[in-house]
Amino acid sequence: SSSSSSSCCLCFLYLLPWTIQHLWDYTCIEVVEQNRCQLEAALSKVTTVDEVLTLHTDFLDRCLKDCMLTTPELLKIIHKLLTTCIMFTNYLHKFLRGKDLGELAATISGKQPKKARKKAAKAVTSEHSSPAQSSDMEGMLSSISRNFVKYILALLSELRKVSIDEFERCMSSMVARLDYNNFYSRQEEQMMHQSTASLSSFSLG
């Protein structure tokens, strides 16, 4: 329905920038900036060019590893996740045809009155109100939503594995950021429960 499509859009308008922001904060602030400060402190004590080259090489190695660029599986999952985000933003931009998203985005934070939030949400589907167009939109958003959750869960699983196998504390921090309040862990449990229920009903049938 129109309301479900609007709700899905609003959910993504919150989840996507929230996820990207945490990835950005982790790579730029927790990894690159901290390692840069350590590099500058170490460079103030060197006396030879070889020491400078060694420190710089160590800096690059640490940044590459902590930014998850040396683990093929992590890199592949992150690429798929970011591609899914781009797909959604491109689809939404095409769907809205250049409409201003300011009013719609404000509904996420609840800064508008209830009537204004409903009006903004309705704008998402106002130009595609026919059953066929609405169905196409719901199908696309549903597909993107499933892929987004699937890749987030895969990323969290791989991060937990790396943090345990390689004792990487920064990876555990990233898991805590992305899975705040066990949001995705609860979704995974629900998906497993639904899958189990479906298999049980199929067996009984």
C-alpha atoms as a PDB file:
ATOM      1  CA  SER A   1       0.000   0.000   0.000  1.00  0.00           C
ATOM      2  CA  SER A   2       0.926   3.670  -0.183  1.00  0.00           C
ATOM      3  CA  SER A   3       1.453   3.920   3.583  1.00  0.00           C
ATOM      4  CA  SER A   4       3.742   0.890   3.687  1.00  0.00           C
ATOM      5  CA  SER A   5       5.845   2.304   0.845  1.00  0.00           C
ATOM      6  CA  SER A   6       6.120   5.618   2.670  1.00  0.00           C
ATOM      7  CA  SER A   7       7.105   3.886   5.901  1.00  0.00           C
ATOM      8  CA  CYS A   8       9.764   1.877   4.081  1.00  0.00           C
ATOM      9  CA  CYS A   9      11.214   5.043   2.518  1.00  0.00           C
ATOM     10  CA  LEU A  10      11.277   6.828   5.855  1.00  0.00           C
ATOM     11  CA  CYS A  11      12.963   3.870   7.485  1.00  0.00           C
ATOM     12  CA  PHE A  12      15.687   3.833   4.846  1.00  0.00           C
ATOM     13  CA  LEU A  13      16.103   7.598   5.011  1.00  0.00           C
ATOM     14  CA  TYR A  14      17.089   7.045   8.628  1.00  0.00           C
ATOM     15  CA  LEU A  15      19.023   3.775   8.462  1.00  0.00           C
ATOM     16  CA  LEU A  16      21.198   4.539   5.431  1.00  0.00           C
ATOM     17  CA  PRO A  17      22.788   7.817   6.571  1.00  0.00           C
ATOM     18  CA  TRP A  18      23.041   6.419  10.100  1.00  0.00           C
ATOM     19  CA  THR A  19      24.992   3.397   8.828  1.00  0.00           C
ATOM     20  CA  ILE A  20      27.206   5.425   6.495  1.00  0.00           C
ATOM     21  CA  GLN A  21      27.919   7.940   9.259  1.00  0.00           C
ATOM     22  CA  HIS A  22      29.153   5.218  11.603  1.00  0.00           C
ATOM     23  CA  LEU A  23      31.350   3.695   8.907  1.00  0.00           C
ATOM     24  CA  TRP A  24      32.760   7.150   8.186  1.00  0.00           C
ATOM     25  CA  ASP A  25      33.362   7.961  11.869  1.00  0.00           C
ATOM     26  CA  TYR A  26      35.104   4.653  12.415  1.00  0.00           C
ATOM     27  CA  THR A  27      37.447   4.836   9.421  1.00  0.00           C
ATOM     28  CA  CYS A  28      38.250   8.557   9.558  1.00  0.00           C
ATOM     29  CA  ILE A  29      38.253   9.291  13.293  1.00  0.00           C
ATOM     30  CA  GLU A  30      38.936   6.044  15.126  1.00  0.00           C
ATOM     31  CA  VAL A  31      41.450   4.692  12.604  1.00  0.00           C
ATOM     32  CA  VAL A  32      43.042   7.294  10.338  1.00  0.00           C
ATOM     33  CA  GLU A  33      43.073  10.240  12.743  1.00  0.00           C
ATOM     34  CA  GLN A  34      44.329   8.244  15.737  1.00  0.00           C
ATOM     35  CA  ASN A  35      47.062   6.598  13.697  1.00  0.00           C
ATOM     36  CA  ARG A  36      48.021   9.954  12.204  1.00  0.00           C
ATOM     37  CA  CYS A  37      48.483  11.440  15.673  1.00  0.00           C
ATOM     38  CA  GLN A  38      50.655   8.475  16.676  1.00  0.00           C
ATOM     39  CA  LEU A  39      52.682   8.857  13.473  1.00  0.00           C
ATOM     40  CA  GLU A  40      53.297  12.560  14.102  1.00  0.00           C
ATOM     41  CA  ALA A  41      54.400  11.868  17.663  1.00  0.00           C
ATOM     42  CA  ALA A  42      56.772   9.139  16.503  1.00  0.00           C
ATOM     43  CA  LEU A  43      58.186  11.263  13.661  1.00  0.00           C
ATOM     44  CA  SER A  44      59.259  13.938  16.118  1.00  0.00           C
ATOM     45  CA  LYS A  45      61.790  11.481  17.559  1.00  0.00           C
ATOM     46  CA  VAL A  46      63.334  10.000  14.401  1.00  0.00           C
ATOM     47  CA  THR A  47      66.843  10.792  13.209  1.00  0.00           C
ATOM     48  CA  THR A  48      67.123   8.952   9.885  1.00  0.00           C
ATOM     49  CA  VAL A  49      65.179   8.649   6.646  1.00  0.00           C
ATOM     50  CA  ASP A  50      64.930   4.880   7.111  1.00  0.00           C
ATOM     51  CA  GLU A  51      63.083   5.401  10.396  1.00  0.00           C
ATOM     52  CA  VAL A  52      60.669   7.760   8.652  1.00  0.00           C
ATOM     53  CA  LEU A  53      59.986   5.209   5.915  1.00  0.00           C
ATOM     54  CA  THR A  54      59.469   2.438   8.478  1.00  0.00           C
ATOM     55  CA  LEU A  55      57.018   4.509  10.519  1.00  0.00           C
ATOM     56  CA  HIS A  56      55.128   5.544   7.384  1.00  0.00           C
ATOM     57  CA  THR A  57      54.881   1.944   6.190  1.00  0.00           C
ATOM     58  CA  ASP A  58      53.583   0.847   9.597  1.00  0.00           C
ATOM     59  CA  PHE A  59      51.044   3.672   9.508  1.00  0.00           C
ATOM     60  CA  LEU A  60      49.730   2.578   6.116  1.00  0.00           C
ATOM     61  CA  ASP A  61      49.594  -1.080   7.170  1.00  0.00           C
ATOM     62  CA  ARG A  62      47.602  -0.293  10.310  1.00  0.00           C
ATOM     63  CA  CYS A  63      45.185   1.974   8.457  1.00  0.00           C
ATOM     64  CA  LEU A  64      44.600  -0.554   5.696  1.00  0.00           C
ATOM     65  CA  LYS A  65      43.986  -3.358   8.179  1.00  0.00           C
ATOM     66  CA  ASP A  66      41.784  -1.413  10.613  1.00  0.00           C
ATOM     67  CA  CYS A  67      39.769   0.119   7.752  1.00  0.00           C
ATOM     68  CA  MET A  68      38.917  -3.442   6.698  1.00  0.00           C
ATOM     69  CA  LEU A  69      40.719  -3.119   3.364  1.00  0.00           C
ATOM     70  CA  THR A  70      42.962  -6.172   3.765  1.00  0.00           C
ATOM     71  CA  THR A  71      40.190  -8.704   4.433  1.00  0.00           C
ATOM     72  CA  PRO A  72      38.604  -9.720   1.095  1.00  0.00           C
ATOM     73  CA  GLU A  73      35.381 -10.979   2.654  1.00  0.00           C
ATOM     74  CA  LEU A  74      34.833  -7.784   4.645  1.00  0.00           C
ATOM     75  CA  LEU A  75      35.661  -5.635   1.641  1.00  0.00           C
ATOM     76  CA  LYS A  76      33.213  -7.561  -0.538  1.00  0.00           C
ATOM     77  CA  ILE A  77      30.390  -7.216   1.984  1.00  0.00           C
ATOM     78  CA  ILE A  78      30.992  -3.495   2.490  1.00  0.00           C
ATOM     79  CA  HIS A  79      31.006  -2.968  -1.272  1.00  0.00           C
ATOM     80  CA  LYS A  80      27.639  -4.744  -1.588  1.00  0.00           C
ATOM     81  CA  LEU A  81      26.234  -2.746   1.323  1.00  0.00           C
ATOM     82  CA  LEU A  82      27.310   0.586  -0.153  1.00  0.00           C
ATOM     83  CA  THR A  83      26.013  -0.460  -3.581  1.00  0.00           C
ATOM     84  CA  THR A  84      22.625  -1.191  -2.015  1.00  0.00           C
ATOM     85  CA  CYS A  85      22.620   2.263  -0.424  1.00  0.00           C
ATOM     86  CA  ILE A  86      23.390   3.865  -3.781  1.00  0.00           C
ATOM     87  CA  MET A  87      20.643   1.838  -5.466  1.00  0.00           C
ATOM     88  CA  PHE A  88      18.084   3.088  -2.960  1.00  0.00           C
ATOM     89  CA  THR A  89      19.109   6.751  -3.202  1.00  0.00           C
ATOM     90  CA  ASN A  90      19.131   6.601  -7.016  1.00  0.00           C
ATOM     91  CA  TYR A  91      15.726   4.923  -7.074  1.00  0.00           C
ATOM     92  CA  LEU A  92      14.249   7.397  -4.613  1.00  0.00           C
ATOM     93  CA  HIS A  93      15.703  10.359  -6.503  1.00  0.00           C
ATOM     94  CA  LYS A  94      14.218   9.069  -9.758  1.00  0.00           C
ATOM     95  CA  PHE A  95      10.910   8.329  -8.074  1.00  0.00           C
ATOM     96  CA  LEU A  96      10.564  11.776  -6.518  1.00  0.00           C
ATOM     97  CA  ARG A  97      11.858  13.507  -9.662  1.00  0.00           C
ATOM     98  CA  GLY A  98      13.823  16.187  -7.888  1.00  0.00           C
ATOM     99  CA  LYS A  99      11.343  16.945  -5.124  1.00  0.00           C
ATOM    100  CA  ASP A 100      12.728  18.531  -1.969  1.00  0.00           C
ATOM    101  CA  LEU A 101      13.385  15.806   0.623  1.00  0.00           C
ATOM    102  CA  GLY A 102      13.726  18.292   3.498  1.00  0.00           C
ATOM    103  CA  GLU A 103      10.119  18.030   4.622  1.00  0.00           C
ATOM    104  CA  LEU A 104      10.105  14.268   4.189  1.00  0.00           C
ATOM    105  CA  ALA A 105      13.361  13.804   6.118  1.00  0.00           C
ATOM    106  CA  ALA A 106      12.051  15.952   8.965  1.00  0.00           C
ATOM    107  CA  THR A 107       9.403  13.330   9.641  1.00  0.00           C
ATOM    108  CA  ILE A 108      12.116  10.966  10.807  1.00  0.00           C
ATOM    109  CA  SER A 109      13.136  13.099  13.766  1.00  0.00           C
ATOM    110  CA  GLY A 110       9.522  13.915  14.637  1.00  0.00           C
ATOM    111  CA  LYS A 111      10.163  17.655  14.429  1.00  0.00           C
ATOM    112  CA  GLN A 112       6.941  18.286  12.556  1.00  0.00           C
ATOM    113  CA  PRO A 113       3.359  18.080  13.855  1.00  0.00           C
ATOM    114  CA  LYS A 114       1.576  14.800  13.268  1.00  0.00           C
ATOM    115  CA  LYS A 115      -0.524  16.127  10.371  1.00  0.00           C
ATOM    116  CA  ALA A 116       2.564  17.594   8.685  1.00  0.00           C
ATOM    117  CA  ARG A 117       4.441  14.300   9.047  1.00  0.00           C
ATOM    118  CA  LYS A 118       1.559  12.423   7.403  1.00  0.00           C
ATOM    119  CA  LYS A 119       1.495  14.938   4.561  1.00  0.00           C
ATOM    120  CA  ALA A 120       5.239  14.601   4.004  1.00  0.00           C
ATOM    121  CA  ALA A 121       5.086  10.825   4.016  1.00  0.00           C
ATOM    122  CA  LYS A 122       2.220  10.889   1.542  1.00  0.00           C
ATOM    123  CA  ALA A 123       4.385  12.926  -0.843  1.00  0.00           C
ATOM    124  CA  VAL A 124       6.566   9.870  -1.399  1.00  0.00           C
ATOM    125  CA  THR A 125       3.819   8.078  -3.292  1.00  0.00           C
ATOM    126  CA  SER A 126       1.645  10.951  -4.481  1.00  0.00           C
ATOM    127  CA  GLU A 127       2.723  10.693  -8.130  1.00  0.00           C
ATOM    128  CA  HIS A 128       2.567   6.907  -8.259  1.00  0.00           C
ATOM    129  CA  SER A 129      -0.834   6.171  -6.851  1.00  0.00           C
ATOM    130  CA  SER A 130      -1.999   3.555  -9.334  1.00  0.00           C
ATOM    131  CA  PRO A 131      -2.065  -0.037  -8.044  1.00  0.00           C
ATOM    132  CA  ALA A 132       0.501  -1.230 -10.594  1.00  0.00           C
ATOM    133  CA  GLN A 133       2.965   1.574  -9.874  1.00  0.00           C
ATOM    134  CA  SER A 134       2.489   1.229  -6.137  1.00  0.00           C
ATOM    135  CA  SER A 135       3.091  -2.507  -6.400  1.00  0.00           C
ATOM    136  CA  ASP A 136       6.284  -1.949  -8.406  1.00  0.00           C
ATOM    137  CA  MET A 137       7.572   0.485  -5.817  1.00  0.00           C
ATOM    138  CA  GLU A 138       6.768  -1.809  -2.917  1.00  0.00           C
ATOM    139  CA  GLY A 139       8.503  -4.684  -4.669  1.00  0.00           C
ATOM    140  CA  MET A 140      11.631  -2.640  -5.321  1.00  0.00           C
ATOM    141  CA  LEU A 141      11.782  -1.243  -1.782  1.00  0.00           C
ATOM    142  CA  SER A 142      11.165  -4.675  -0.315  1.00  0.00           C
ATOM    143  CA  SER A 143      14.020  -6.134  -2.363  1.00  0.00           C
ATOM    144  CA  ILE A 144      16.414  -3.332  -1.381  1.00  0.00           C
ATOM    145  CA  SER A 145      15.367  -3.659   2.257  1.00  0.00           C
ATOM    146  CA  ARG A 146      16.048  -7.399   2.329  1.00  0.00           C
ATOM    147  CA  ASN A 147      19.453  -6.930   0.690  1.00  0.00           C
ATOM    148  CA  PHE A 148      20.374  -4.119   3.080  1.00  0.00           C
ATOM    149  CA  VAL A 149      19.554  -6.185   6.172  1.00  0.00           C
ATOM    150  CA  LYS A 150      21.247  -9.254   4.683  1.00  0.00           C
ATOM    151  CA  TYR A 151      24.507  -7.397   4.056  1.00  0.00           C
ATOM    152  CA  ILE A 152      24.434  -5.674   7.454  1.00  0.00           C
ATOM    153  CA  LEU A 153      24.006  -9.046   9.176  1.00  0.00           C
ATOM    154  CA  ALA A 154      26.806 -10.531   7.054  1.00  0.00           C
ATOM    155  CA  LEU A 155      29.058  -7.594   7.941  1.00  0.00           C
ATOM    156  CA  LEU A 156      28.325  -7.927  11.652  1.00  0.00           C
ATOM    157  CA  SER A 157      28.976 -11.664  11.532  1.00  0.00           C
ATOM    158  CA  GLU A 158      32.316 -11.203   9.757  1.00  0.00           C
ATOM    159  CA  LEU A 159      33.360  -8.383  12.103  1.00  0.00           C
ATOM    160  CA  ARG A 160      32.645 -10.571  15.132  1.00  0.00           C
ATOM    161  CA  LYS A 161      34.658 -13.383  13.580  1.00  0.00           C
ATOM    162  CA  VAL A 162      37.637 -11.105  12.881  1.00  0.00           C
ATOM    163  CA  SER A 163      37.482  -9.536  16.335  1.00  0.00           C
ATOM    164  CA  ILE A 164      37.648 -12.993  17.945  1.00  0.00           C
ATOM    165  CA  ASP A 165      40.165 -14.639  15.617  1.00  0.00           C
ATOM    166  CA  GLU A 166      42.582 -11.698  15.443  1.00  0.00           C
ATOM    167  CA  PHE A 167      41.822 -10.026  18.777  1.00  0.00           C
ATOM    168  CA  GLU A 168      40.868  -6.794  17.039  1.00  0.00           C
ATOM    169  CA  ARG A 169      39.180  -4.600  19.645  1.00  0.00           C
ATOM    170  CA  CYS A 170      38.355  -1.939  17.063  1.00  0.00           C
ATOM    171  CA  MET A 171      36.186  -4.450  15.195  1.00  0.00           C
ATOM    172  CA  SER A 172      34.184  -5.114  18.356  1.00  0.00           C
ATOM    173  CA  SER A 173      33.661  -1.374  18.663  1.00  0.00           C
ATOM    174  CA  MET A 174      32.363  -1.275  15.104  1.00  0.00           C
ATOM    175  CA  VAL A 175      29.897  -4.087  15.864  1.00  0.00           C
ATOM    176  CA  ALA A 176      28.589  -2.172  18.880  1.00  0.00           C
ATOM    177  CA  ARG A 177      28.133   0.944  16.746  1.00  0.00           C
ATOM    178  CA  LEU A 178      26.271  -0.740  13.893  1.00  0.00           C
ATOM    179  CA  ASP A 179      24.203  -3.085  16.056  1.00  0.00           C
ATOM    180  CA  TYR A 180      23.148  -0.416  18.540  1.00  0.00           C
ATOM    181  CA  ASN A 181      20.689  -1.783  21.113  1.00  0.00           C
ATOM    182  CA  ASN A 182      20.924  -5.143  19.291  1.00  0.00           C
ATOM    183  CA  PHE A 183      18.681  -3.727  16.557  1.00  0.00           C
ATOM    184  CA  TYR A 184      19.919  -6.072  13.830  1.00  0.00           C
ATOM    185  CA  SER A 185      20.463  -8.992  16.207  1.00  0.00           C
ATOM    186  CA  ARG A 186      16.766  -8.893  17.052  1.00  0.00           C
ATOM    187  CA  GLN A 187      15.909  -8.756  13.355  1.00  0.00           C
ATOM    188  CA  GLU A 188      18.112 -11.791  12.744  1.00  0.00           C
ATOM    189  CA  GLU A 189      16.332 -13.682  15.510  1.00  0.00           C
ATOM    190  CA  GLN A 190      12.965 -12.788  14.001  1.00  0.00           C
ATOM    191  CA  MET A 191      14.107 -13.947  10.572  1.00  0.00           C
ATOM    192  CA  MET A 192      15.350 -17.247  11.996  1.00  0.00           C
ATOM    193  CA  HIS A 193      12.079 -17.710  13.871  1.00  0.00           C
ATOM    194  CA  GLN A 194      10.055 -17.019  10.720  1.00  0.00           C
ATOM    195  CA  SER A 195      12.240 -19.400   8.725  1.00  0.00           C
ATOM    196  CA  THR A 196      11.790 -22.129  11.337  1.00  0.00           C
ATOM    197  CA  ALA A 197       8.041 -21.583  11.402  1.00  0.00           C
ATOM    198  CA  SER A 198       7.885 -21.763   7.600  1.00  0.00           C
ATOM    199  CA  LEU A 199       9.834 -25.018   7.538  1.00  0.00           C
ATOM    200  CA  SER A 200       7.595 -26.482  10.243  1.00  0.00           C
ATOM    201  CA  SER A 201       4.414 -25.559   8.370  1.00  0.00           C
ATOM    202  CA  PHE A 202       5.869 -26.986   5.155  1.00  0.00           C
ATOM    203  CA  SER A 203       6.719 -30.247   6.874  1.00  0.00           C
ATOM    204  CA  LEU A 204       3.276 -30.495   8.426  1.00  0.00           C
ATOM    205  CA  GLY A 205       1.693 -29.740   5.070  1.00  0.00           C
END
